[in-house]
Amino acid sequence: MRFVERSVVLTLFMLLPLAGCKREVQELPPAHGDQAPAMPDLPTLTKASDESTTVTTSEARTTGTTFPRAEAQLGPNAGGVIEKILVKEGDTVKRGAVVFRQDVRDAALRIEQAKVALDAARVNLRASDTDYQRTKAMFDQKAMNQVQWDQAQTRFDSAKVQVQQAEVALNMANKALADGTVRSPIDGVVVQKLKSEGEMATMMPPTVVLVIQDQSTLELRFRLPERTLRFVKIGASVKAKFDALGLEREAKVTRIQSAIDAQTRTVEVVVLLPNQDSALRAGLLASVELEPAAAEAVKAAAAPAAVTPPTAGGAPAARAAQGGKP
């Protein structure tokens, strides 16, 4: 009995706070309808704010980097020690000019060896030819059997093949000697010298000895949002400013990449910059500005639409202004 009484007392104590909370609950006004509170006034966005101006400006302007139109990373045509490097960084070279040589003493000895082998093959061919002609005459007179005639023919044919092999070996030795001399494949400027005289240069893994760039014309590459593709076309003019040099150049778009970056939603645009005066360098940062017509089109397309606040009753004000029912 005492246990039951205690349970009843505890239950009453637990219900008392709930009863007090129920008295303190206040009724809230309805969320909609005539008795709903008025919505706060919101500003009408009829003009582009400072933030929107920044966004449109960034779409009409961007930054880019200059790249050489052509670059050659020169290494050896065959493994060997670098004997002489004939250029230094900053030198201007012409196409076909010798830039470095390898130690070719081994190749020169191989040429001499191939020449001796060729001479021996030719002597053997003359002897085989003499034996062939003599055997043929005797075979025609029925003074020699078929086996001897076949052997003479085989020796003659083998001598001819030996001469051909010796000629090929001599050509390979000459090529090895020529491979020891490396020439520039383009007109350009030596921008890097990565090896020194006396160092070993190999083909596998490839050793880069010199880097030559053709900087007579530079490629300026920059990225634009994909939404600008309908305004920026091949042939469009752009203005590039190089703050580091205090220079400004105008050029035309020559290539728009066919692929869109799926992460940034941008496309790469390439512009060719003539650089006959060598004032520009590869790797420069440039501020790029689209031509006025394209820039204005991009800004107009990127401008936000006019947004009007809702009315006090919760219906859009634009619908009320058009005569629609709220």
C-alpha atoms as a PDB file:
ATOM      1  CA  MET A   1       0.000   0.000   0.000  1.00  0.00           C
ATOM      2  CA  ARG A   2       2.786   2.394   0.822  1.00  0.00           C
ATOM      3  CA  PHE A   3       4.344   1.707  -2.586  1.00  0.00           C
ATOM      4  CA  VAL A   4       1.079   2.580  -4.358  1.00  0.00           C
ATOM      5  CA  GLU A   5       0.708   5.798  -2.406  1.00  0.00           C
ATOM      6  CA  ARG A   6       4.231   6.881  -3.314  1.00  0.00           C
ATOM      7  CA  SER A   7       3.555   6.198  -6.997  1.00  0.00           C
ATOM      8  CA  VAL A   8       0.437   8.346  -6.937  1.00  0.00           C
ATOM      9  CA  VAL A   9       2.285  11.211  -5.253  1.00  0.00           C
ATOM     10  CA  LEU A  10       5.117  11.110  -7.802  1.00  0.00           C
ATOM     11  CA  THR A  11       2.676  11.130 -10.690  1.00  0.00           C
ATOM     12  CA  LEU A  12       0.941  14.223  -9.311  1.00  0.00           C
ATOM     13  CA  PHE A  13       4.246  16.039  -8.937  1.00  0.00           C
ATOM     14  CA  MET A  14       5.134  15.259 -12.574  1.00  0.00           C
ATOM     15  CA  LEU A  15       1.799  16.529 -13.907  1.00  0.00           C
ATOM     16  CA  LEU A  16       1.948  19.851 -12.057  1.00  0.00           C
ATOM     17  CA  PRO A  17       4.762  21.390 -14.245  1.00  0.00           C
ATOM     18  CA  LEU A  18       2.968  20.303 -17.385  1.00  0.00           C
ATOM     19  CA  ALA A  19      -0.151  22.006 -16.286  1.00  0.00           C
ATOM     20  CA  GLY A  20       1.778  25.210 -15.632  1.00  0.00           C
ATOM     21  CA  CYS A  21       3.400  25.096 -19.063  1.00  0.00           C
ATOM     22  CA  LYS A  22       0.046  24.701 -20.734  1.00  0.00           C
ATOM     23  CA  ARG A  23      -1.159  27.934 -19.199  1.00  0.00           C
ATOM     24  CA  GLU A  24       1.896  29.830 -20.543  1.00  0.00           C
ATOM     25  CA  VAL A  25       1.374  28.796 -24.259  1.00  0.00           C
ATOM     26  CA  GLN A  26       0.357  31.806 -26.391  1.00  0.00           C
ATOM     27  CA  GLU A  27      -1.476  31.633 -29.666  1.00  0.00           C
ATOM     28  CA  LEU A  28       0.507  32.846 -32.731  1.00  0.00           C
ATOM     29  CA  PRO A  29      -1.046  34.900 -35.542  1.00  0.00           C
ATOM     30  CA  PRO A  30      -1.895  33.021 -38.756  1.00  0.00           C
ATOM     31  CA  ALA A  31       0.812  32.743 -41.431  1.00  0.00           C
ATOM     32  CA  HIS A  32      -1.498  33.952 -44.227  1.00  0.00           C
ATOM     33  CA  GLY A  33      -4.848  35.571 -44.666  1.00  0.00           C
ATOM     34  CA  ASP A  34      -6.341  38.880 -43.610  1.00  0.00           C
ATOM     35  CA  GLN A  35      -5.001  38.653 -40.058  1.00  0.00           C
ATOM     36  CA  ALA A  36      -1.461  37.711 -41.166  1.00  0.00           C
ATOM     37  CA  PRO A  37       1.263  40.257 -40.284  1.00  0.00           C
ATOM     38  CA  ALA A  38       2.615  42.436 -43.089  1.00  0.00           C
ATOM     39  CA  MET A  39       5.780  41.329 -44.826  1.00  0.00           C
ATOM     40  CA  PRO A  40       8.835  43.557 -44.326  1.00  0.00           C
ATOM     41  CA  ASP A  41       9.694  45.889 -47.188  1.00  0.00           C
ATOM     42  CA  LEU A  42      12.577  44.646 -49.347  1.00  0.00           C
ATOM     43  CA  PRO A  43      14.670  46.823 -51.686  1.00  0.00           C
ATOM     44  CA  THR A  44      13.833  46.647 -55.385  1.00  0.00           C
ATOM     45  CA  LEU A  45      16.861  45.420 -57.355  1.00  0.00           C
ATOM     46  CA  THR A  46      16.364  47.399 -60.522  1.00  0.00           C
ATOM     47  CA  LYS A  47      20.057  48.298 -60.953  1.00  0.00           C
ATOM     48  CA  ALA A  48      23.191  46.228 -60.701  1.00  0.00           C
ATOM     49  CA  SER A  49      24.726  46.657 -57.279  1.00  0.00           C
ATOM     50  CA  ASP A  50      28.457  46.985 -56.642  1.00  0.00           C
ATOM     51  CA  GLU A  51      28.714  43.223 -56.285  1.00  0.00           C
ATOM     52  CA  SER A  52      27.047  42.577 -59.643  1.00  0.00           C
ATOM     53  CA  THR A  53      29.304  45.144 -61.292  1.00  0.00           C
ATOM     54  CA  THR A  54      32.318  43.241 -60.014  1.00  0.00           C
ATOM     55  CA  VAL A  55      30.978  40.011 -61.422  1.00  0.00           C
ATOM     56  CA  THR A  56      30.342  41.432 -64.885  1.00  0.00           C
ATOM     57  CA  THR A  57      33.728  43.129 -64.933  1.00  0.00           C
ATOM     58  CA  SER A  58      35.429  39.844 -64.149  1.00  0.00           C
ATOM     59  CA  GLU A  59      33.641  38.210 -67.073  1.00  0.00           C
ATOM     60  CA  ALA A  60      34.758  40.959 -69.469  1.00  0.00           C
ATOM     61  CA  ARG A  61      38.307  41.002 -68.103  1.00  0.00           C
ATOM     62  CA  THR A  62      40.644  38.219 -67.076  1.00  0.00           C
ATOM     63  CA  THR A  63      44.315  37.346 -66.799  1.00  0.00           C
ATOM     64  CA  GLY A  64      46.464  35.203 -69.040  1.00  0.00           C
ATOM     65  CA  THR A  65      49.993  33.875 -69.467  1.00  0.00           C
ATOM     66  CA  THR A  66      52.314  33.991 -72.459  1.00  0.00           C
ATOM     67  CA  PHE A  67      53.784  30.802 -73.936  1.00  0.00           C
ATOM     68  CA  PRO A  68      56.320  30.260 -76.732  1.00  0.00           C
ATOM     69  CA  ARG A  69      54.810  29.317 -80.056  1.00  0.00           C
ATOM     70  CA  ALA A  70      57.397  26.529 -80.443  1.00  0.00           C
ATOM     71  CA  GLU A  71      59.797  24.871 -78.016  1.00  0.00           C
ATOM     72  CA  ALA A  72      62.504  22.260 -78.575  1.00  0.00           C
ATOM     73  CA  GLN A  73      64.044  20.230 -75.770  1.00  0.00           C
ATOM     74  CA  LEU A  74      67.270  18.960 -77.283  1.00  0.00           C
ATOM     75  CA  GLY A  75      68.965  15.757 -76.186  1.00  0.00           C
ATOM     76  CA  PRO A  76      71.490  13.363 -77.699  1.00  0.00           C
ATOM     77  CA  ASN A  77      70.717  11.180 -80.684  1.00  0.00           C
ATOM     78  CA  ALA A  78      72.830   8.459 -79.079  1.00  0.00           C
ATOM     79  CA  GLY A  79      74.250   7.880 -75.633  1.00  0.00           C
ATOM     80  CA  GLY A  80      77.656   9.422 -75.000  1.00  0.00           C
ATOM     81  CA  VAL A  81      79.708  12.071 -73.243  1.00  0.00           C
ATOM     82  CA  ILE A  82      79.075  15.730 -74.099  1.00  0.00           C
ATOM     83  CA  GLU A  83      82.297  17.031 -75.593  1.00  0.00           C
ATOM     84  CA  LYS A  84      81.407  20.617 -76.503  1.00  0.00           C
ATOM     85  CA  ILE A  85      78.420  22.941 -75.981  1.00  0.00           C
ATOM     86  CA  LEU A  86      78.603  25.734 -78.512  1.00  0.00           C
ATOM     87  CA  VAL A  87      75.858  28.032 -77.129  1.00  0.00           C
ATOM     88  CA  LYS A  88      74.912  29.591 -73.812  1.00  0.00           C
ATOM     89  CA  GLU A  89      71.663  30.781 -72.277  1.00  0.00           C
ATOM     90  CA  GLY A  90      70.295  33.846 -74.029  1.00  0.00           C
ATOM     91  CA  ASP A  91      71.954  33.133 -77.378  1.00  0.00           C
ATOM     92  CA  THR A  92      69.870  33.377 -80.540  1.00  0.00           C
ATOM     93  CA  VAL A  93      70.266  30.393 -82.840  1.00  0.00           C
ATOM     94  CA  LYS A  94      69.124  29.626 -86.370  1.00  0.00           C
ATOM     95  CA  ARG A  95      67.554  26.434 -87.584  1.00  0.00           C
ATOM     96  CA  GLY A  96      70.259  23.899 -88.441  1.00  0.00           C
ATOM     97  CA  ALA A  97      72.945  25.526 -86.302  1.00  0.00           C
ATOM     98  CA  VAL A  98      75.164  23.143 -84.289  1.00  0.00           C
ATOM     99  CA  VAL A  99      74.450  23.576 -80.571  1.00  0.00           C
ATOM    100  CA  PHE A 100      76.496  20.776 -78.981  1.00  0.00           C
ATOM    101  CA  ARG A 101      78.688  17.808 -79.887  1.00  0.00           C
ATOM    102  CA  GLN A 102      79.342  14.475 -78.243  1.00  0.00           C
ATOM    103  CA  ASP A 103      82.549  12.483 -78.031  1.00  0.00           C
ATOM    104  CA  VAL A 104      82.597  10.690 -81.410  1.00  0.00           C
ATOM    105  CA  ARG A 105      86.004   8.987 -81.278  1.00  0.00           C
ATOM    106  CA  ASP A 106      84.360   5.581 -80.925  1.00  0.00           C
ATOM    107  CA  ALA A 107      82.138   6.313 -83.935  1.00  0.00           C
ATOM    108  CA  ALA A 108      85.166   7.346 -86.004  1.00  0.00           C
ATOM    109  CA  LEU A 109      86.873   4.022 -85.213  1.00  0.00           C
ATOM    110  CA  ARG A 110      83.735   2.136 -86.186  1.00  0.00           C
ATOM    111  CA  ILE A 111      83.772   3.917 -89.548  1.00  0.00           C
ATOM    112  CA  GLU A 112      87.334   2.800 -90.195  1.00  0.00           C
ATOM    113  CA  GLN A 113      86.412  -0.746 -89.200  1.00  0.00           C
ATOM    114  CA  ALA A 114      83.383  -0.713 -91.528  1.00  0.00           C
ATOM    115  CA  LYS A 115      85.506   0.549 -94.415  1.00  0.00           C
ATOM    116  CA  VAL A 116      88.010  -2.286 -93.974  1.00  0.00           C
ATOM    117  CA  ALA A 117      85.186  -4.837 -93.831  1.00  0.00           C
ATOM    118  CA  LEU A 118      83.709  -3.395 -97.016  1.00  0.00           C
ATOM    119  CA  ASP A 119      87.037  -3.632 -98.830  1.00  0.00           C
ATOM    120  CA  ALA A 120      87.406  -7.276 -97.778  1.00  0.00           C
ATOM    121  CA  ALA A 121      83.874  -8.049 -98.962  1.00  0.00           C
ATOM    122  CA  ARG A 122      84.581  -6.498-102.340  1.00  0.00           C
ATOM    123  CA  VAL A 123      87.786  -8.530-102.746  1.00  0.00           C
ATOM    124  CA  ASN A 124      85.843 -11.679-101.942  1.00  0.00           C
ATOM    125  CA  LEU A 125      83.187 -10.680-104.454  1.00  0.00           C
ATOM    126  CA  ARG A 126      85.762 -10.269-107.225  1.00  0.00           C
ATOM    127  CA  ALA A 127      87.232 -13.665-106.468  1.00  0.00           C
ATOM    128  CA  SER A 128      83.791 -15.240-106.399  1.00  0.00           C
ATOM    129  CA  ASP A 129      82.901 -13.572-109.677  1.00  0.00           C
ATOM    130  CA  THR A 130      86.051 -14.939-111.334  1.00  0.00           C
ATOM    131  CA  ASP A 131      85.304 -18.426-110.059  1.00  0.00           C
ATOM    132  CA  TYR A 132      81.704 -18.086-111.166  1.00  0.00           C
ATOM    133  CA  GLN A 133      82.627 -17.101-114.724  1.00  0.00           C
ATOM    134  CA  ARG A 134      85.184 -19.928-115.028  1.00  0.00           C
ATOM    135  CA  THR A 135      82.776 -22.506-113.660  1.00  0.00           C
ATOM    136  CA  LYS A 136      80.028 -21.304-115.966  1.00  0.00           C
ATOM    137  CA  ALA A 137      82.227 -21.711-119.022  1.00  0.00           C
ATOM    138  CA  MET A 138      83.234 -25.202-118.010  1.00  0.00           C
ATOM    139  CA  PHE A 139      79.653 -26.150-117.223  1.00  0.00           C
ATOM    140  CA  ASP A 140      78.532 -24.958-120.647  1.00  0.00           C
ATOM    141  CA  GLN A 141      81.176 -27.243-122.226  1.00  0.00           C
ATOM    142  CA  LYS A 142      79.940 -30.184-120.161  1.00  0.00           C
ATOM    143  CA  ALA A 143      83.299 -30.244-118.351  1.00  0.00           C
ATOM    144  CA  MET A 144      81.770 -29.761-114.889  1.00  0.00           C
ATOM    145  CA  ASN A 145      78.896 -31.434-113.136  1.00  0.00           C
ATOM    146  CA  GLN A 146      75.757 -29.760-111.763  1.00  0.00           C
ATOM    147  CA  VAL A 147      76.902 -29.891-108.131  1.00  0.00           C
ATOM    148  CA  GLN A 148      80.059 -27.901-108.803  1.00  0.00           C
ATOM    149  CA  TRP A 149      78.089 -25.343-110.804  1.00  0.00           C
ATOM    150  CA  ASP A 150      75.558 -24.902-107.997  1.00  0.00           C
ATOM    151  CA  GLN A 151      78.338 -24.407-105.450  1.00  0.00           C
ATOM    152  CA  ALA A 152      79.951 -21.709-107.602  1.00  0.00           C
ATOM    153  CA  GLN A 153      76.630 -19.889-107.900  1.00  0.00           C
ATOM    154  CA  THR A 154      76.100 -20.046-104.131  1.00  0.00           C
ATOM    155  CA  ARG A 155      79.559 -18.618-103.406  1.00  0.00           C
ATOM    156  CA  PHE A 156      78.974 -15.765-105.846  1.00  0.00           C
ATOM    157  CA  ASP A 157      75.564 -14.885-104.382  1.00  0.00           C
ATOM    158  CA  SER A 158      76.951 -15.035-100.840  1.00  0.00           C
ATOM    159  CA  ALA A 159      79.789 -12.664-101.781  1.00  0.00           C
ATOM    160  CA  LYS A 160      77.291 -10.138-103.128  1.00  0.00           C
ATOM    161  CA  VAL A 161      75.287 -10.289 -99.886  1.00  0.00           C
ATOM    162  CA  GLN A 162      78.461  -9.760 -97.839  1.00  0.00           C
ATOM    163  CA  VAL A 163      79.198  -6.592 -99.789  1.00  0.00           C
ATOM    164  CA  GLN A 164      75.694  -5.297 -99.090  1.00  0.00           C
ATOM    165  CA  GLN A 165      76.078  -6.035 -95.378  1.00  0.00           C
ATOM    166  CA  ALA A 166      79.393  -4.185 -95.263  1.00  0.00           C
ATOM    167  CA  GLU A 167      77.848  -1.154 -96.990  1.00  0.00           C
ATOM    168  CA  VAL A 168      75.002  -1.085 -94.450  1.00  0.00           C
ATOM    169  CA  ALA A 169      77.486  -1.306 -91.568  1.00  0.00           C
ATOM    170  CA  LEU A 170      79.436   1.626 -93.027  1.00  0.00           C
ATOM    171  CA  ASN A 171      76.248   3.703 -93.344  1.00  0.00           C
ATOM    172  CA  MET A 172      75.356   2.951 -89.724  1.00  0.00           C
ATOM    173  CA  ALA A 173      78.815   4.011 -88.585  1.00  0.00           C
ATOM    174  CA  ASN A 174      78.505   7.259 -90.552  1.00  0.00           C
ATOM    175  CA  LYS A 175      75.108   7.886 -88.975  1.00  0.00           C
ATOM    176  CA  ALA A 176      76.531   7.332 -85.492  1.00  0.00           C
ATOM    177  CA  LEU A 177      79.205   9.904 -86.266  1.00  0.00           C
ATOM    178  CA  ALA A 178      76.591  12.366 -87.524  1.00  0.00           C
ATOM    179  CA  ASP A 179      74.382  11.749 -84.454  1.00  0.00           C
ATOM    180  CA  GLY A 180      77.170  13.043 -82.281  1.00  0.00           C
ATOM    181  CA  THR A 181      76.448  16.525 -83.653  1.00  0.00           C
ATOM    182  CA  VAL A 182      73.142  18.018 -82.477  1.00  0.00           C
ATOM    183  CA  ARG A 183      71.549  20.895 -84.401  1.00  0.00           C
ATOM    184  CA  SER A 184      68.704  23.240 -83.556  1.00  0.00           C
ATOM    185  CA  PRO A 185      65.433  22.297 -85.295  1.00  0.00           C
ATOM    186  CA  ILE A 186      63.964  25.817 -84.973  1.00  0.00           C
ATOM    187  CA  ASP A 187      64.918  29.481 -84.926  1.00  0.00           C
ATOM    188  CA  GLY A 188      64.850  30.628 -81.344  1.00  0.00           C
ATOM    189  CA  VAL A 189      66.550  31.596 -78.118  1.00  0.00           C
ATOM    190  CA  VAL A 190      68.399  29.283 -75.729  1.00  0.00           C
ATOM    191  CA  VAL A 191      66.433  29.605 -72.503  1.00  0.00           C
ATOM    192  CA  GLN A 192      67.975  26.732 -70.517  1.00  0.00           C
ATOM    193  CA  LYS A 193      71.273  24.838 -70.424  1.00  0.00           C
ATOM    194  CA  LEU A 194      70.728  21.800 -68.236  1.00  0.00           C
ATOM    195  CA  LYS A 195      73.983  19.898 -68.806  1.00  0.00           C
ATOM    196  CA  SER A 196      77.662  20.776 -68.947  1.00  0.00           C
ATOM    197  CA  GLU A 197      80.601  19.579 -70.976  1.00  0.00           C
ATOM    198  CA  GLY A 198      81.943  16.235 -69.818  1.00  0.00           C
ATOM    199  CA  GLU A 199      78.611  14.951 -68.518  1.00  0.00           C
ATOM    200  CA  MET A 200      76.985  11.777 -69.778  1.00  0.00           C
ATOM    201  CA  ALA A 201      73.883  12.138 -71.955  1.00  0.00           C
ATOM    202  CA  THR A 202      71.645   9.143 -72.610  1.00  0.00           C
ATOM    203  CA  MET A 203      68.623   8.377 -74.734  1.00  0.00           C
ATOM    204  CA  MET A 204      66.889   6.151 -72.142  1.00  0.00           C
ATOM    205  CA  PRO A 205      66.026   7.857 -69.920  1.00  0.00           C
ATOM    206  CA  PRO A 206      66.175  10.873 -72.237  1.00  0.00           C
ATOM    207  CA  THR A 207      68.608  13.580 -71.205  1.00  0.00           C
ATOM    208  CA  VAL A 208      67.633  17.188 -71.989  1.00  0.00           C
ATOM    209  CA  VAL A 209      70.749  19.248 -72.614  1.00  0.00           C
ATOM    210  CA  LEU A 210      69.305  22.490 -74.023  1.00  0.00           C
ATOM    211  CA  VAL A 211      65.863  24.107 -74.261  1.00  0.00           C
ATOM    212  CA  ILE A 212      65.255  26.447 -77.200  1.00  0.00           C
ATOM    213  CA  GLN A 213      62.104  28.535 -77.613  1.00  0.00           C
ATOM    214  CA  ASP A 214      60.774  30.408 -80.607  1.00  0.00           C
ATOM    215  CA  GLN A 215      59.679  33.697 -79.040  1.00  0.00           C
ATOM    216  CA  SER A 216      59.257  35.685 -82.249  1.00  0.00           C
ATOM    217  CA  THR A 217      55.537  35.085 -81.761  1.00  0.00           C
ATOM    218  CA  LEU A 218      54.026  34.287 -78.375  1.00  0.00           C
ATOM    219  CA  GLU A 219      50.762  32.614 -77.495  1.00  0.00           C
ATOM    220  CA  LEU A 220      48.682  34.407 -74.877  1.00  0.00           C
ATOM    221  CA  ARG A 221      46.357  31.912 -73.200  1.00  0.00           C
ATOM    222  CA  PHE A 222      43.525  32.842 -70.868  1.00  0.00           C
ATOM    223  CA  ARG A 223      40.221  31.356 -69.730  1.00  0.00           C
ATOM    224  CA  LEU A 224      36.707  32.755 -70.017  1.00  0.00           C
ATOM    225  CA  PRO A 225      33.367  31.539 -68.629  1.00  0.00           C
ATOM    226  CA  GLU A 226      31.530  29.250 -70.998  1.00  0.00           C
ATOM    227  CA  ARG A 227      28.639  31.745 -71.184  1.00  0.00           C
ATOM    228  CA  THR A 228      30.902  34.106 -73.163  1.00  0.00           C
ATOM    229  CA  LEU A 229      31.270  31.693 -76.087  1.00  0.00           C
ATOM    230  CA  ARG A 230      28.427  33.322 -78.005  1.00  0.00           C
ATOM    231  CA  PHE A 231      30.147  36.723 -77.789  1.00  0.00           C
ATOM    232  CA  VAL A 232      33.847  35.832 -78.232  1.00  0.00           C
ATOM    233  CA  LYS A 233      34.664  34.441 -81.687  1.00  0.00           C
ATOM    234  CA  ILE A 234      37.821  33.745 -83.671  1.00  0.00           C
ATOM    235  CA  GLY A 235      39.092  37.053 -84.991  1.00  0.00           C
ATOM    236  CA  ALA A 236      37.773  39.079 -82.040  1.00  0.00           C
ATOM    237  CA  SER A 237      40.161  41.745 -80.761  1.00  0.00           C
ATOM    238  CA  VAL A 238      41.558  41.730 -77.232  1.00  0.00           C
ATOM    239  CA  LYS A 239      43.782  44.134 -75.352  1.00  0.00           C
ATOM    240  CA  ALA A 240      46.629  42.714 -73.275  1.00  0.00           C
ATOM    241  CA  LYS A 241      48.382  44.795 -70.629  1.00  0.00           C
ATOM    242  CA  PHE A 242      51.722  43.700 -69.161  1.00  0.00           C
ATOM    243  CA  ASP A 243      52.114  45.608 -65.919  1.00  0.00           C
ATOM    244  CA  ALA A 244      55.570  44.145 -65.264  1.00  0.00           C
ATOM    245  CA  LEU A 245      56.901  45.775 -68.446  1.00  0.00           C
ATOM    246  CA  GLY A 246      54.512  48.685 -68.777  1.00  0.00           C
ATOM    247  CA  LEU A 247      53.485  47.479 -72.246  1.00  0.00           C
ATOM    248  CA  GLU A 248      50.156  47.088 -73.958  1.00  0.00           C
ATOM    249  CA  ARG A 249      49.442  45.007 -77.066  1.00  0.00           C
ATOM    250  CA  GLU A 250      46.353  44.402 -79.163  1.00  0.00           C
ATOM    251  CA  ALA A 251      45.800  41.115 -80.963  1.00  0.00           C
ATOM    252  CA  LYS A 252      43.071  38.862 -82.317  1.00  0.00           C
ATOM    253  CA  VAL A 253      41.753  35.543 -81.085  1.00  0.00           C
ATOM    254  CA  THR A 254      43.248  32.752 -83.189  1.00  0.00           C
ATOM    255  CA  ARG A 255      41.971  29.654 -81.403  1.00  0.00           C
ATOM    256  CA  ILE A 256      39.222  28.685 -78.971  1.00  0.00           C
ATOM    257  CA  GLN A 257      39.679  25.267 -77.444  1.00  0.00           C
ATOM    258  CA  SER A 258      36.942  22.768 -78.233  1.00  0.00           C
ATOM    259  CA  ALA A 259      36.783  21.361 -74.673  1.00  0.00           C
ATOM    260  CA  ILE A 260      35.172  23.000 -71.644  1.00  0.00           C
ATOM    261  CA  ASP A 261      36.683  22.505 -68.203  1.00  0.00           C
ATOM    262  CA  ALA A 262      33.953  20.626 -66.353  1.00  0.00           C
ATOM    263  CA  GLN A 263      35.145  21.823 -62.941  1.00  0.00           C
ATOM    264  CA  THR A 264      35.557  25.556 -63.581  1.00  0.00           C
ATOM    265  CA  ARG A 265      33.052  25.820 -66.478  1.00  0.00           C
ATOM    266  CA  THR A 266      35.599  27.839 -68.459  1.00  0.00           C
ATOM    267  CA  VAL A 267      37.143  27.581 -71.911  1.00  0.00           C
ATOM    268  CA  GLU A 268      40.724  28.410 -72.950  1.00  0.00           C
ATOM    269  CA  VAL A 269      41.238  31.125 -75.555  1.00  0.00           C
ATOM    270  CA  VAL A 270      44.527  31.577 -77.447  1.00  0.00           C
ATOM    271  CA  VAL A 271      45.797  34.852 -78.919  1.00  0.00           C
ATOM    272  CA  LEU A 272      48.963  35.286 -81.006  1.00  0.00           C
ATOM    273  CA  LEU A 273      51.189  38.208 -80.025  1.00  0.00           C
ATOM    274  CA  PRO A 274      53.885  39.333 -82.503  1.00  0.00           C
ATOM    275  CA  ASN A 275      57.187  39.809 -80.676  1.00  0.00           C
ATOM    276  CA  GLN A 276      59.738  40.783 -83.310  1.00  0.00           C
ATOM    277  CA  ASP A 277      61.199  43.380 -80.940  1.00  0.00           C
ATOM    278  CA  SER A 278      61.754  40.674 -78.259  1.00  0.00           C
ATOM    279  CA  ALA A 279      60.171  42.944 -75.654  1.00  0.00           C
ATOM    280  CA  LEU A 280      57.941  40.178 -74.306  1.00  0.00           C
ATOM    281  CA  ARG A 281      58.995  36.972 -72.610  1.00  0.00           C
ATOM    282  CA  ALA A 282      57.367  33.601 -72.170  1.00  0.00           C
ATOM    283  CA  GLY A 283      55.632  33.208 -68.831  1.00  0.00           C
ATOM    284  CA  LEU A 284      54.542  36.842 -68.435  1.00  0.00           C
ATOM    285  CA  LEU A 285      51.273  37.633 -66.667  1.00  0.00           C
ATOM    286  CA  ALA A 286      48.892  39.792 -68.704  1.00  0.00           C
ATOM    287  CA  SER A 287      45.615  41.553 -67.957  1.00  0.00           C
ATOM    288  CA  VAL A 288      43.265  40.752 -70.818  1.00  0.00           C
ATOM    289  CA  GLU A 289      40.285  42.905 -71.753  1.00  0.00           C
ATOM    290  CA  LEU A 290      37.766  42.002 -74.426  1.00  0.00           C
ATOM    291  CA  GLU A 291      36.901  44.390 -77.240  1.00  0.00           C
ATOM    292  CA  PRO A 292      34.231  46.961 -76.244  1.00  0.00           C
ATOM    293  CA  ALA A 293      31.418  45.333 -78.224  1.00  0.00           C
ATOM    294  CA  ALA A 294      32.022  41.892 -76.757  1.00  0.00           C
ATOM    295  CA  ALA A 295      32.561  43.309 -73.274  1.00  0.00           C
ATOM    296  CA  GLU A 296      29.253  45.174 -73.353  1.00  0.00           C
ATOM    297  CA  ALA A 297      27.461  42.068 -74.621  1.00  0.00           C
ATOM    298  CA  VAL A 298      28.940  39.990 -71.817  1.00  0.00           C
ATOM    299  CA  LYS A 299      27.979  42.582 -69.227  1.00  0.00           C
ATOM    300  CA  ALA A 300      24.436  42.832 -70.564  1.00  0.00           C
ATOM    301  CA  ALA A 301      24.032  39.060 -70.531  1.00  0.00           C
ATOM    302  CA  ALA A 302      25.430  38.805 -67.015  1.00  0.00           C
ATOM    303  CA  ALA A 303      23.314  41.682 -65.582  1.00  0.00           C
ATOM    304  CA  PRO A 304      20.740  40.415 -63.022  1.00  0.00           C
ATOM    305  CA  ALA A 305      17.025  40.661 -63.850  1.00  0.00           C
ATOM    306  CA  ALA A 306      14.793  43.126 -61.939  1.00  0.00           C
ATOM    307  CA  VAL A 307      13.395  41.563 -58.769  1.00  0.00           C
ATOM    308  CA  THR A 308      10.466  43.137 -56.869  1.00  0.00           C
ATOM    309  CA  PRO A 309       9.559  42.356 -53.261  1.00  0.00           C
ATOM    310  CA  PRO A 310       6.321  40.543 -52.369  1.00  0.00           C
ATOM    311  CA  THR A 311       3.312  42.519 -51.242  1.00  0.00           C
ATOM    312  CA  ALA A 312       2.150  42.706 -47.641  1.00  0.00           C
ATOM    313  CA  GLY A 313      -0.365  39.928 -48.266  1.00  0.00           C
ATOM    314  CA  GLY A 314       2.321  37.584 -49.480  1.00  0.00           C
ATOM    315  CA  ALA A 315       1.617  37.798 -53.279  1.00  0.00           C
ATOM    316  CA  PRO A 316       4.314  39.091 -55.656  1.00  0.00           C
ATOM    317  CA  ALA A 317       4.024  42.816 -56.355  1.00  0.00           C
ATOM    318  CA  ALA A 318       4.889  42.270 -60.026  1.00  0.00           C
ATOM    319  CA  ARG A 319       1.747  40.176 -60.478  1.00  0.00           C
ATOM    320  CA  ALA A 320      -0.362  42.806 -58.750  1.00  0.00           C
ATOM    321  CA  ALA A 321       1.131  45.538 -60.930  1.00  0.00           C
ATOM    322  CA  GLN A 322       0.191  43.582 -64.066  1.00  0.00           C
ATOM    323  CA  GLY A 323      -3.423  43.430 -62.950  1.00  0.00           C
ATOM    324  CA  GLY A 324      -3.282  39.860 -61.737  1.00  0.00           C
ATOM    325  CA  LYS A 325      -5.026  38.720 -58.618  1.00  0.00           C
ATOM    326  CA  PRO A 326      -2.859  38.452 -55.532  1.00  0.00           C
END
